[in-house]
Amino acid sequence: MIYEGSCHCGKIAFEVDGEFTSALDCNCSLCRRRGGLLAFVARDKFTLKTPRENLSTYTFNTRTIQHRFCDTCGIAPFAEAKMPDGAEMACINVRCIPAVDLASLEIQPWDGQSH
């Protein structure tokens, strides 16, 4: 199913093709503070609908994940990175997809080892 998502003000908008039945509650220092619920999709299932120039980027630790956020409203709707096998992926904050029923998601805590 194709879903539409965005930051709060709409400066960053996207479409993502996926079935969102579960989400990862990451406990890293960034996710813990911003409260995102994460779902991973292959990068080709993600389409940015607004100009890439609208994205601000934050990296930390190993600097391998590009955490994308809006410099207007501060919301971080997704990140981009490569999986250990080299496949490009998008990490979606499902809280930024209004059509996803958060109460129906199986929330999985991150075990610190894999996702």
PDB file of N, CA and C in Angstrom:
ATOM      1  N   MET A   1       0.838  -1.170   0.000  1.00  0.00           N
ATOM      2  CA  MET A   1       0.000   0.000   0.000  1.00  0.00           C
ATOM      3  C   MET A   1       0.893   1.247   0.000  1.00  0.00           C
ATOM      4  N   ILE A   2       0.473   2.240  -0.712  1.00  0.00           N
ATOM      5  CA  ILE A   2       1.236   3.490  -0.769  1.00  0.00           C
ATOM      6  C   ILE A   2       0.646   4.475   0.235  1.00  0.00           C
ATOM      7  N   TYR A   3       1.519   5.006   1.075  1.00  0.00           N
ATOM      8  CA  TYR A   3       1.150   5.973   2.100  1.00  0.00           C
ATOM      9  C   TYR A   3       1.824   7.303   1.813  1.00  0.00           C
ATOM     10  N   GLU A   4       1.167   8.382   2.243  1.00  0.00           N
ATOM     11  CA  GLU A   4       1.741   9.711   2.180  1.00  0.00           C
ATOM     12  C   GLU A   4       2.157  10.128   3.578  1.00  0.00           C
ATOM     13  N   GLY A   5       3.308  10.772   3.665  1.00  0.00           N
ATOM     14  CA  GLY A   5       3.795  11.247   4.947  1.00  0.00           C
ATOM     15  C   GLY A   5       4.463  12.593   4.788  1.00  0.00           C
ATOM     16  N   SER A   6       4.733  13.236   5.920  1.00  0.00           N
ATOM     17  CA  SER A   6       5.368  14.553   5.856  1.00  0.00           C
ATOM     18  C   SER A   6       5.850  14.965   7.238  1.00  0.00           C
ATOM     19  N   CYS A   7       6.601  16.034   7.239  1.00  0.00           N
ATOM     20  CA  CYS A   7       6.907  16.719   8.493  1.00  0.00           C
ATOM     21  C   CYS A   7       5.643  17.483   8.895  1.00  0.00           C
ATOM     22  N   HIS A   8       5.683  18.213   9.986  1.00  0.00           N
ATOM     23  CA  HIS A   8       4.498  18.915  10.471  1.00  0.00           C
ATOM     24  C   HIS A   8       4.041  20.026   9.542  1.00  0.00           C
ATOM     25  N   CYS A   9       4.976  20.818   9.020  1.00  0.00           N
ATOM     26  CA  CYS A   9       4.599  21.965   8.193  1.00  0.00           C
ATOM     27  C   CYS A   9       4.418  21.620   6.711  1.00  0.00           C
ATOM     28  N   GLY A  10       4.847  20.429   6.291  1.00  0.00           N
ATOM     29  CA  GLY A  10       4.688  20.013   4.894  1.00  0.00           C
ATOM     30  C   GLY A  10       5.852  20.357   3.988  1.00  0.00           C
ATOM     31  N   LYS A  11       6.877  20.982   4.524  1.00  0.00           N
ATOM     32  CA  LYS A  11       8.045  21.332   3.706  1.00  0.00           C
ATOM     33  C   LYS A  11       8.751  20.077   3.196  1.00  0.00           C
ATOM     34  N   ILE A  12       8.646  18.979   3.953  1.00  0.00           N
ATOM     35  CA  ILE A  12       9.162  17.676   3.529  1.00  0.00           C
ATOM     36  C   ILE A  12       7.971  16.747   3.419  1.00  0.00           C
ATOM     37  N   ALA A  13       7.754  16.196   2.236  1.00  0.00           N
ATOM     38  CA  ALA A  13       6.652  15.261   2.011  1.00  0.00           C
ATOM     39  C   ALA A  13       7.181  14.074   1.212  1.00  0.00           C
ATOM     40  N   PHE A  14       6.577  12.918   1.447  1.00  0.00           N
ATOM     41  CA  PHE A  14       7.035  11.694   0.784  1.00  0.00           C
ATOM     42  C   PHE A  14       5.897  10.717   0.591  1.00  0.00           C
ATOM     43  N   GLU A  15       6.147   9.723  -0.250  1.00  0.00           N
ATOM     44  CA  GLU A  15       5.298   8.555  -0.401  1.00  0.00           C
ATOM     45  C   GLU A  15       6.154   7.340  -0.105  1.00  0.00           C
ATOM     46  N   VAL A  16       5.541   6.347   0.509  1.00  0.00           N
ATOM     47  CA  VAL A  16       6.260   5.113   0.811  1.00  0.00           C
ATOM     48  C   VAL A  16       5.328   3.941   0.570  1.00  0.00           C
ATOM     49  N   ASP A  17       5.858   2.926  -0.073  1.00  0.00           N
ATOM     50  CA  ASP A  17       5.113   1.708  -0.372  1.00  0.00           C
ATOM     51  C   ASP A  17       5.492   0.666   0.663  1.00  0.00           C
ATOM     52  N   GLY A  18       4.544   0.279   1.488  1.00  0.00           N
ATOM     53  CA  GLY A  18       4.841  -0.708   2.510  1.00  0.00           C
ATOM     54  C   GLY A  18       3.606  -1.125   3.270  1.00  0.00           C
ATOM     55  N   GLU A  19       3.756  -2.158   4.060  1.00  0.00           N
ATOM     56  CA  GLU A  19       2.718  -2.624   4.969  1.00  0.00           C
ATOM     57  C   GLU A  19       3.252  -2.396   6.374  1.00  0.00           C
ATOM     58  N   PHE A  20       2.671  -1.484   7.086  1.00  0.00           N
ATOM     59  CA  PHE A  20       3.175  -1.110   8.398  1.00  0.00           C
ATOM     60  C   PHE A  20       2.316  -1.735   9.484  1.00  0.00           C
ATOM     61  N   THR A  21       2.784  -2.870   9.986  1.00  0.00           N
ATOM     62  CA  THR A  21       2.102  -3.580  11.058  1.00  0.00           C
ATOM     63  C   THR A  21       2.921  -3.567  12.341  1.00  0.00           C
ATOM     64  N   SER A  22       4.183  -3.209  12.218  1.00  0.00           N
ATOM     65  CA  SER A  22       5.049  -3.134  13.393  1.00  0.00           C
ATOM     66  C   SER A  22       6.003  -1.963  13.217  1.00  0.00           C
ATOM     67  N   ALA A  23       6.572  -1.544  14.329  1.00  0.00           N
ATOM     68  CA  ALA A  23       7.544  -0.448  14.307  1.00  0.00           C
ATOM     69  C   ALA A  23       8.572  -0.697  15.398  1.00  0.00           C
ATOM     70  N   LEU A  24       9.731  -0.173  15.162  1.00  0.00           N
ATOM     71  CA  LEU A  24      10.844  -0.303  16.091  1.00  0.00           C
ATOM     72  C   LEU A  24      10.889   0.923  17.001  1.00  0.00           C
ATOM     73  N   ASP A  25      10.928   0.682  18.296  1.00  0.00           N
ATOM     74  CA  ASP A  25      11.105   1.749  19.268  1.00  0.00           C
ATOM     75  C   ASP A  25      12.588   1.766  19.617  1.00  0.00           C
ATOM     76  N   CYS A  26      13.349   2.569  18.877  1.00  0.00           N
ATOM     77  CA  CYS A  26      14.795   2.601  19.033  1.00  0.00           C
ATOM     78  C   CYS A  26      15.170   3.343  20.312  1.00  0.00           C
ATOM     79  N   ASN A  27      16.201   2.850  20.997  1.00  0.00           N
ATOM     80  CA  ASN A  27      16.630   3.501  22.224  1.00  0.00           C
ATOM     81  C   ASN A  27      17.971   4.216  22.081  1.00  0.00           C
ATOM     82  N   CYS A  28      18.390   4.517  20.851  1.00  0.00           N
ATOM     83  CA  CYS A  28      19.627   5.286  20.692  1.00  0.00           C
ATOM     84  C   CYS A  28      19.414   6.686  21.262  1.00  0.00           C
ATOM     85  N   SER A  29      20.491   7.408  21.468  1.00  0.00           N
ATOM     86  CA  SER A  29      20.405   8.721  22.104  1.00  0.00           C
ATOM     87  C   SER A  29      19.540   9.709  21.321  1.00  0.00           C
ATOM     88  N   LEU A  30      19.475   9.590  20.005  1.00  0.00           N
ATOM     89  CA  LEU A  30      18.659  10.494  19.201  1.00  0.00           C
ATOM     90  C   LEU A  30      17.189  10.082  19.227  1.00  0.00           C
ATOM     91  N   CYS A  31      16.910   8.826  18.895  1.00  0.00           N
ATOM     92  CA  CYS A  31      15.519   8.362  18.823  1.00  0.00           C
ATOM     93  C   CYS A  31      14.821   8.448  20.172  1.00  0.00           C
ATOM     94  N   ARG A  32      15.551   8.169  21.226  1.00  0.00           N
ATOM     95  CA  ARG A  32      14.971   8.241  22.558  1.00  0.00           C
ATOM     96  C   ARG A  32      14.455   9.643  22.847  1.00  0.00           C
ATOM     97  N   ARG A  33      15.179  10.639  22.406  1.00  0.00           N
ATOM     98  CA  ARG A  33      14.785  12.018  22.666  1.00  0.00           C
ATOM     99  C   ARG A  33      13.657  12.489  21.751  1.00  0.00           C
ATOM    100  N   ARG A  34      13.641  12.031  20.516  1.00  0.00           N
ATOM    101  CA  ARG A  34      12.621  12.547  19.598  1.00  0.00           C
ATOM    102  C   ARG A  34      11.374  11.686  19.532  1.00  0.00           C
ATOM    103  N   GLY A  35      11.423  10.466  20.063  1.00  0.00           N
ATOM    104  CA  GLY A  35      10.220   9.643  20.177  1.00  0.00           C
ATOM    105  C   GLY A  35       9.715   9.050  18.876  1.00  0.00           C
ATOM    106  N   GLY A  36      10.579   8.811  17.923  1.00  0.00           N
ATOM    107  CA  GLY A  36      10.143   8.227  16.667  1.00  0.00           C
ATOM    108  C   GLY A  36       9.833   6.741  16.782  1.00  0.00           C
ATOM    109  N   LEU A  37       8.910   6.287  15.966  1.00  0.00           N
ATOM    110  CA  LEU A  37       8.644   4.858  15.780  1.00  0.00           C
ATOM    111  C   LEU A  37       9.069   4.534  14.361  1.00  0.00           C
ATOM    112  N   LEU A  38       9.978   3.595  14.215  1.00  0.00           N
ATOM    113  CA  LEU A  38      10.667   3.398  12.946  1.00  0.00           C
ATOM    114  C   LEU A  38      10.256   2.134  12.212  1.00  0.00           C
ATOM    115  N   ALA A  39      10.164   2.247  10.906  1.00  0.00           N
ATOM    116  CA  ALA A  39       9.941   1.110  10.018  1.00  0.00           C
ATOM    117  C   ALA A  39      10.910   1.252   8.851  1.00  0.00           C
ATOM    118  N   PHE A  40      11.456   0.134   8.400  1.00  0.00           N
ATOM    119  CA  PHE A  40      12.480   0.143   7.363  1.00  0.00           C
ATOM    120  C   PHE A  40      11.906  -0.383   6.053  1.00  0.00           C
ATOM    121  N   VAL A  41      12.258   0.294   4.955  1.00  0.00           N
ATOM    122  CA  VAL A  41      11.850  -0.141   3.617  1.00  0.00           C
ATOM    123  C   VAL A  41      13.044  -0.003   2.677  1.00  0.00           C
ATOM    124  N   ALA A  42      13.025  -0.780   1.618  1.00  0.00           N
ATOM    125  CA  ALA A  42      14.035  -0.612   0.575  1.00  0.00           C
ATOM    126  C   ALA A  42      13.915   0.805   0.021  1.00  0.00           C
ATOM    127  N   ARG A  43      15.036   1.408  -0.291  1.00  0.00           N
ATOM    128  CA  ARG A  43      15.052   2.813  -0.745  1.00  0.00           C
ATOM    129  C   ARG A  43      14.181   3.039  -1.969  1.00  0.00           C
ATOM    130  N   ASP A  44      14.055   2.035  -2.829  1.00  0.00           N
ATOM    131  CA  ASP A  44      13.230   2.210  -4.028  1.00  0.00           C
ATOM    132  C   ASP A  44      11.725   2.195  -3.726  1.00  0.00           C
ATOM    133  N   LYS A  45      11.335   1.946  -2.487  1.00  0.00           N
ATOM    134  CA  LYS A  45       9.927   2.000  -2.067  1.00  0.00           C
ATOM    135  C   LYS A  45       9.573   3.371  -1.488  1.00  0.00           C
ATOM    136  N   PHE A  46      10.552   4.257  -1.459  1.00  0.00           N
ATOM    137  CA  PHE A  46      10.404   5.583  -0.880  1.00  0.00           C
ATOM    138  C   PHE A  46      10.578   6.636  -1.964  1.00  0.00           C
ATOM    139  N   THR A  47       9.655   7.600  -2.031  1.00  0.00           N
ATOM    140  CA  THR A  47       9.743   8.688  -2.999  1.00  0.00           C
ATOM    141  C   THR A  47       9.589  10.018  -2.283  1.00  0.00           C
ATOM    142  N   LEU A  48      10.598  10.839  -2.363  1.00  0.00           N
ATOM    143  CA  LEU A  48      10.526  12.187  -1.820  1.00  0.00           C
ATOM    144  C   LEU A  48       9.691  13.028  -2.788  1.00  0.00           C
ATOM    145  N   LYS A  49       8.662  13.702  -2.292  1.00  0.00           N
ATOM    146  CA  LYS A  49       7.753  14.478  -3.138  1.00  0.00           C
ATOM    147  C   LYS A  49       8.083  15.972  -3.140  1.00  0.00           C
ATOM    148  N   THR A  50       9.018  16.372  -2.318  1.00  0.00           N
ATOM    149  CA  THR A  50       9.419  17.774  -2.238  1.00  0.00           C
ATOM    150  C   THR A  50      10.904  17.849  -2.588  1.00  0.00           C
ATOM    151  N   PRO A  51      11.417  19.024  -2.901  1.00  0.00           N
ATOM    152  CA  PRO A  51      12.826  19.129  -3.307  1.00  0.00           C
ATOM    153  C   PRO A  51      13.798  18.665  -2.215  1.00  0.00           C
ATOM    154  N   ARG A  52      14.869  17.999  -2.626  1.00  0.00           N
ATOM    155  CA  ARG A  52      15.904  17.548  -1.677  1.00  0.00           C
ATOM    156  C   ARG A  52      16.521  18.737  -0.941  1.00  0.00           C
ATOM    157  N   GLU A  53      16.476  19.910  -1.552  1.00  0.00           N
ATOM    158  CA  GLU A  53      17.004  21.103  -0.906  1.00  0.00           C
ATOM    159  C   GLU A  53      16.241  21.446   0.373  1.00  0.00           C
ATOM    160  N   ASN A  54      15.025  20.911   0.536  1.00  0.00           N
ATOM    161  CA  ASN A  54      14.232  21.171   1.735  1.00  0.00           C
ATOM    162  C   ASN A  54      14.714  20.358   2.937  1.00  0.00           C
ATOM    163  N   LEU A  55      15.574  19.372   2.696  1.00  0.00           N
ATOM    164  CA  LEU A  55      16.033  18.483   3.762  1.00  0.00           C
ATOM    165  C   LEU A  55      17.220  19.072   4.501  1.00  0.00           C
ATOM    166  N   SER A  56      17.161  18.975   5.802  1.00  0.00           N
ATOM    167  CA  SER A  56      18.343  19.197   6.628  1.00  0.00           C
ATOM    168  C   SER A  56      18.780  17.817   7.089  1.00  0.00           C
ATOM    169  N   THR A  57      20.061  17.669   7.379  1.00  0.00           N
ATOM    170  CA  THR A  57      20.609  16.358   7.704  1.00  0.00           C
ATOM    171  C   THR A  57      21.414  16.415   8.986  1.00  0.00           C
ATOM    172  N   TYR A  58      21.213  15.393   9.797  1.00  0.00           N
ATOM    173  CA  TYR A  58      21.986  15.242  11.017  1.00  0.00           C
ATOM    174  C   TYR A  58      22.608  13.854  11.021  1.00  0.00           C
ATOM    175  N   THR A  59      23.890  13.765  11.319  1.00  0.00           N
ATOM    176  CA  THR A  59      24.558  12.479  11.473  1.00  0.00           C
ATOM    177  C   THR A  59      25.300  12.493  12.810  1.00  0.00           C
ATOM    178  N   PHE A  60      25.506  11.326  13.376  1.00  0.00           N
ATOM    179  CA  PHE A  60      26.258  11.229  14.623  1.00  0.00           C
ATOM    180  C   PHE A  60      26.862   9.833  14.718  1.00  0.00           C
ATOM    181  N   ASN A  61      27.629   9.613  15.739  1.00  0.00           N
ATOM    182  CA  ASN A  61      28.286   8.339  16.000  1.00  0.00           C
ATOM    183  C   ASN A  61      29.099   7.919  14.769  1.00  0.00           C
ATOM    184  N   THR A  62      28.704   6.859  14.054  1.00  0.00           N
ATOM    185  CA  THR A  62      29.480   6.388  12.904  1.00  0.00           C
ATOM    186  C   THR A  62      29.208   7.202  11.642  1.00  0.00           C
ATOM    187  N   ARG A  63      28.249   8.103  11.707  1.00  0.00           N
ATOM    188  CA  ARG A  63      27.884   8.975  10.579  1.00  0.00           C
ATOM    189  C   ARG A  63      27.455   8.206   9.334  1.00  0.00           C
ATOM    190  N   THR A  64      26.874   7.039   9.518  1.00  0.00           N
ATOM    191  CA  THR A  64      26.432   6.223   8.387  1.00  0.00           C
ATOM    192  C   THR A  64      24.959   6.402   8.065  1.00  0.00           C
ATOM    193  N   ILE A  65      24.199   6.951   8.997  1.00  0.00           N
ATOM    194  CA  ILE A  65      22.769   7.194   8.769  1.00  0.00           C
ATOM    195  C   ILE A  65      22.558   8.692   8.628  1.00  0.00           C
ATOM    196  N   GLN A  66      21.899   9.094   7.545  1.00  0.00           N
ATOM    197  CA  GLN A  66      21.567  10.498   7.321  1.00  0.00           C
ATOM    198  C   GLN A  66      20.146  10.712   7.848  1.00  0.00           C
ATOM    199  N   HIS A  67      20.047  11.286   9.035  1.00  0.00           N
ATOM    200  CA  HIS A  67      18.754  11.576   9.648  1.00  0.00           C
ATOM    201  C   HIS A  67      18.245  12.866   9.030  1.00  0.00           C
ATOM    202  N   ARG A  68      17.140  12.782   8.299  1.00  0.00           N
ATOM    203  CA  ARG A  68      16.584  13.939   7.585  1.00  0.00           C
ATOM    204  C   ARG A  68      15.541  14.615   8.458  1.00  0.00           C
ATOM    205  N   PHE A  69      15.606  15.939   8.497  1.00  0.00           N
ATOM    206  CA  PHE A  69      14.628  16.685   9.279  1.00  0.00           C
ATOM    207  C   PHE A  69      14.332  18.019   8.616  1.00  0.00           C
ATOM    208  N   CYS A  70      13.263  18.645   9.067  1.00  0.00           N
ATOM    209  CA  CYS A  70      12.826  19.928   8.535  1.00  0.00           C
ATOM    210  C   CYS A  70      13.390  21.054   9.386  1.00  0.00           C
ATOM    211  N   ASP A  71      14.050  21.994   8.742  1.00  0.00           N
ATOM    212  CA  ASP A  71      14.610  23.114   9.502  1.00  0.00           C
ATOM    213  C   ASP A  71      13.564  24.172   9.853  1.00  0.00           C
ATOM    214  N   THR A  72      12.338  23.984   9.403  1.00  0.00           N
ATOM    215  CA  THR A  72      11.260  24.906   9.760  1.00  0.00           C
ATOM    216  C   THR A  72      10.506  24.421  10.991  1.00  0.00           C
ATOM    217  N   CYS A  73      10.005  23.183  10.954  1.00  0.00           N
ATOM    218  CA  CYS A  73       9.196  22.681  12.081  1.00  0.00           C
ATOM    219  C   CYS A  73       9.957  21.734  12.994  1.00  0.00           C
ATOM    220  N   GLY A  74      11.120  21.253  12.560  1.00  0.00           N
ATOM    221  CA  GLY A  74      11.951  20.407  13.401  1.00  0.00           C
ATOM    222  C   GLY A  74      11.641  18.924  13.362  1.00  0.00           C
ATOM    223  N   ILE A  75      10.634  18.525  12.638  1.00  0.00           N
ATOM    224  CA  ILE A  75      10.239  17.113  12.610  1.00  0.00           C
ATOM    225  C   ILE A  75      11.186  16.307  11.719  1.00  0.00           C
ATOM    226  N   ALA A  76      11.497  15.083  12.153  1.00  0.00           N
ATOM    227  CA  ALA A  76      12.393  14.170  11.425  1.00  0.00           C
ATOM    228  C   ALA A  76      11.571  13.004  10.873  1.00  0.00           C
ATOM    229  N   PRO A  77      11.091  13.109   9.633  1.00  0.00           N
ATOM    230  CA  PRO A  77      10.199  12.074   9.108  1.00  0.00           C
ATOM    231  C   PRO A  77      10.877  10.805   8.587  1.00  0.00           C
ATOM    232  N   PHE A  78      12.175  10.871   8.282  1.00  0.00           N
ATOM    233  CA  PHE A  78      12.840   9.674   7.762  1.00  0.00           C
ATOM    234  C   PHE A  78      14.348   9.829   7.845  1.00  0.00           C
ATOM    235  N   ALA A  79      15.023   8.710   7.581  1.00  0.00           N
ATOM    236  CA  ALA A  79      16.482   8.688   7.493  1.00  0.00           C
ATOM    237  C   ALA A  79      16.848   7.823   6.294  1.00  0.00           C
ATOM    238  N   GLU A  80      18.066   7.956   5.837  1.00  0.00           N
ATOM    239  CA  GLU A  80      18.565   7.144   4.732  1.00  0.00           C
ATOM    240  C   GLU A  80      19.911   6.547   5.113  1.00  0.00           C
ATOM    241  N   ALA A  81      20.121   5.290   4.704  1.00  0.00           N
ATOM    242  CA  ALA A  81      21.380   4.613   5.017  1.00  0.00           C
ATOM    243  C   ALA A  81      21.488   3.364   4.156  1.00  0.00           C
ATOM    244  N   LYS A  82      22.542   2.614   4.404  1.00  0.00           N
ATOM    245  CA  LYS A  82      22.725   1.316   3.759  1.00  0.00           C
ATOM    246  C   LYS A  82      22.680   0.237   4.821  1.00  0.00           C
ATOM    247  N   MET A  83      22.054  -0.872   4.476  1.00  0.00           N
ATOM    248  CA  MET A  83      22.023  -2.028   5.362  1.00  0.00           C
ATOM    249  C   MET A  83      23.413  -2.657   5.365  1.00  0.00           C
ATOM    250  N   PRO A  84      23.699  -3.556   6.301  1.00  0.00           N
ATOM    251  CA  PRO A  84      25.013  -4.206   6.335  1.00  0.00           C
ATOM    252  C   PRO A  84      25.386  -4.908   5.030  1.00  0.00           C
ATOM    253  N   ASP A  85      24.373  -5.352   4.266  1.00  0.00           N
ATOM    254  CA  ASP A  85      24.659  -6.013   2.982  1.00  0.00           C
ATOM    255  C   ASP A  85      24.846  -5.018   1.832  1.00  0.00           C
ATOM    256  N   GLY A  86      24.779  -3.714   2.121  1.00  0.00           N
ATOM    257  CA  GLY A  86      24.975  -2.681   1.106  1.00  0.00           C
ATOM    258  C   GLY A  86      23.700  -2.177   0.453  1.00  0.00           C
ATOM    259  N   ALA A  87      22.564  -2.804   0.750  1.00  0.00           N
ATOM    260  CA  ALA A  87      21.292  -2.374   0.155  1.00  0.00           C
ATOM    261  C   ALA A  87      20.875  -1.026   0.741  1.00  0.00           C
ATOM    262  N   GLU A  88      20.457  -0.112  -0.128  1.00  0.00           N
ATOM    263  CA  GLU A  88      19.997   1.195   0.329  1.00  0.00           C
ATOM    264  C   GLU A  88      18.620   1.065   0.956  1.00  0.00           C
ATOM    265  N   MET A  89      18.424   1.763   2.063  1.00  0.00           N
ATOM    266  CA  MET A  89      17.146   1.695   2.748  1.00  0.00           C
ATOM    267  C   MET A  89      16.720   3.079   3.215  1.00  0.00           C
ATOM    268  N   ALA A  90      15.425   3.167   3.494  1.00  0.00           N
ATOM    269  CA  ALA A  90      14.859   4.352   4.124  1.00  0.00           C
ATOM    270  C   ALA A  90      14.255   3.900   5.447  1.00  0.00           C
ATOM    271  N   CYS A  91      14.483   4.678   6.446  1.00  0.00           N
ATOM    272  CA  CYS A  91      13.955   4.414   7.787  1.00  0.00           C
ATOM    273  C   CYS A  91      12.857   5.453   8.020  1.00  0.00           C
ATOM    274  N   ILE A  92      11.634   4.997   8.060  1.00  0.00           N
ATOM    275  CA  ILE A  92      10.484   5.891   8.119  1.00  0.00           C
ATOM    276  C   ILE A  92      10.016   6.055   9.560  1.00  0.00           C
ATOM    277  N   ASN A  93       9.782   7.285   9.971  1.00  0.00           N
ATOM    278  CA  ASN A  93       9.138   7.542  11.251  1.00  0.00           C
ATOM    279  C   ASN A  93       7.635   7.421  10.994  1.00  0.00           C
ATOM    280  N   VAL A  94       7.045   6.286  11.387  1.00  0.00           N
ATOM    281  CA  VAL A  94       5.639   6.048  11.072  1.00  0.00           C
ATOM    282  C   VAL A  94       4.711   7.047  11.761  1.00  0.00           C
ATOM    283  N   ARG A  95       5.199   7.753  12.764  1.00  0.00           N
ATOM    284  CA  ARG A  95       4.392   8.822  13.362  1.00  0.00           C
ATOM    285  C   ARG A  95       4.137   9.951  12.358  1.00  0.00           C
ATOM    286  N   CYS A  96       4.899   9.996  11.276  1.00  0.00           N
ATOM    287  CA  CYS A  96       4.752  11.031  10.253  1.00  0.00           C
ATOM    288  C   CYS A  96       3.849  10.589   9.104  1.00  0.00           C
ATOM    289  N   ILE A  97       3.202   9.444   9.248  1.00  0.00           N
ATOM    290  CA  ILE A  97       2.247   8.959   8.245  1.00  0.00           C
ATOM    291  C   ILE A  97       0.865   8.968   8.890  1.00  0.00           C
ATOM    292  N   PRO A  98       0.044   9.988   8.618  1.00  0.00           N
ATOM    293  CA  PRO A  98      -1.251  10.106   9.286  1.00  0.00           C
ATOM    294  C   PRO A  98      -2.172   8.889   9.121  1.00  0.00           C
ATOM    295  N   ALA A  99      -2.096   8.177   8.014  1.00  0.00           N
ATOM    296  CA  ALA A  99      -3.001   7.051   7.767  1.00  0.00           C
ATOM    297  C   ALA A  99      -2.627   5.788   8.542  1.00  0.00           C
ATOM    298  N   VAL A 100      -1.466   5.747   9.150  1.00  0.00           N
ATOM    299  CA  VAL A 100      -1.076   4.581   9.941  1.00  0.00           C
ATOM    300  C   VAL A 100      -1.706   4.691  11.325  1.00  0.00           C
ATOM    301  N   ASP A 101      -2.453   3.660  11.708  1.00  0.00           N
ATOM    302  CA  ASP A 101      -3.071   3.594  13.028  1.00  0.00           C
ATOM    303  C   ASP A 101      -2.016   3.124  14.021  1.00  0.00           C
ATOM    304  N   LEU A 102      -1.455   4.052  14.764  1.00  0.00           N
ATOM    305  CA  LEU A 102      -0.366   3.726  15.685  1.00  0.00           C
ATOM    306  C   LEU A 102      -0.793   2.718  16.750  1.00  0.00           C
ATOM    307  N   ALA A 103      -2.048   2.744  17.151  1.00  0.00           N
ATOM    308  CA  ALA A 103      -2.535   1.818  18.170  1.00  0.00           C
ATOM    309  C   ALA A 103      -2.555   0.375  17.678  1.00  0.00           C
ATOM    310  N   SER A 104      -2.577   0.182  16.368  1.00  0.00           N
ATOM    311  CA  SER A 104      -2.623  -1.181  15.820  1.00  0.00           C
ATOM    312  C   SER A 104      -1.231  -1.774  15.586  1.00  0.00           C
ATOM    313  N   LEU A 105      -0.186  -0.973  15.757  1.00  0.00           N
ATOM    314  CA  LEU A 105       1.166  -1.444  15.499  1.00  0.00           C
ATOM    315  C   LEU A 105       1.693  -2.322  16.631  1.00  0.00           C
ATOM    316  N   GLU A 106       2.442  -3.332  16.246  1.00  0.00           N
ATOM    317  CA  GLU A 106       3.206  -4.096  17.226  1.00  0.00           C
ATOM    318  C   GLU A 106       4.514  -3.340  17.425  1.00  0.00           C
ATOM    319  N   ILE A 107       4.717  -2.814  18.613  1.00  0.00           N
ATOM    320  CA  ILE A 107       5.912  -2.023  18.905  1.00  0.00           C
ATOM    321  C   ILE A 107       6.998  -2.959  19.418  1.00  0.00           C
ATOM    322  N   GLN A 108       8.132  -2.949  18.726  1.00  0.00           N
ATOM    323  CA  GLN A 108       9.255  -3.816  19.079  1.00  0.00           C
ATOM    324  C   GLN A 108      10.388  -2.961  19.631  1.00  0.00           C
ATOM    325  N   PRO A 109      10.785  -3.195  20.878  1.00  0.00           N
ATOM    326  CA  PRO A 109      11.941  -2.453  21.385  1.00  0.00           C
ATOM    327  C   PRO A 109      13.208  -2.926  20.690  1.00  0.00           C
ATOM    328  N   TRP A 110      14.094  -1.987  20.416  1.00  0.00           N
ATOM    329  CA  TRP A 110      15.379  -2.347  19.795  1.00  0.00           C
ATOM    330  C   TRP A 110      16.227  -3.031  20.836  1.00  0.00           C
ATOM    331  N   ASP A 111      16.813  -4.173  20.472  1.00  0.00           N
ATOM    332  CA  ASP A 111      17.592  -4.949  21.430  1.00  0.00           C
ATOM    333  C   ASP A 111      19.049  -4.531  21.480  1.00  0.00           C
ATOM    334  N   GLY A 112      19.422  -3.503  20.729  1.00  0.00           N
ATOM    335  CA  GLY A 112      20.793  -3.026  20.754  1.00  0.00           C
ATOM    336  C   GLY A 112      21.728  -3.795  19.838  1.00  0.00           C
ATOM    337  N   GLN A 113      21.243  -4.829  19.197  1.00  0.00           N
ATOM    338  CA  GLN A 113      22.082  -5.663  18.343  1.00  0.00           C
ATOM    339  C   GLN A 113      21.662  -5.627  16.888  1.00  0.00           C
ATOM    340  N   SER A 114      20.384  -5.667  16.605  1.00  0.00           N
ATOM    341  CA  SER A 114      19.925  -5.731  15.211  1.00  0.00           C
ATOM    342  C   SER A 114      18.567  -5.061  15.106  1.00  0.00           C
ATOM    343  N   HIS A 115      18.103  -4.870  13.856  1.00  0.00           N
ATOM    344  CA  HIS A 115      16.768  -4.303  13.669  1.00  0.00           C
ATOM    345  C   HIS A 115      16.030  -4.995  12.550  1.00  0.00           C
TER     346      HIS A 115
END
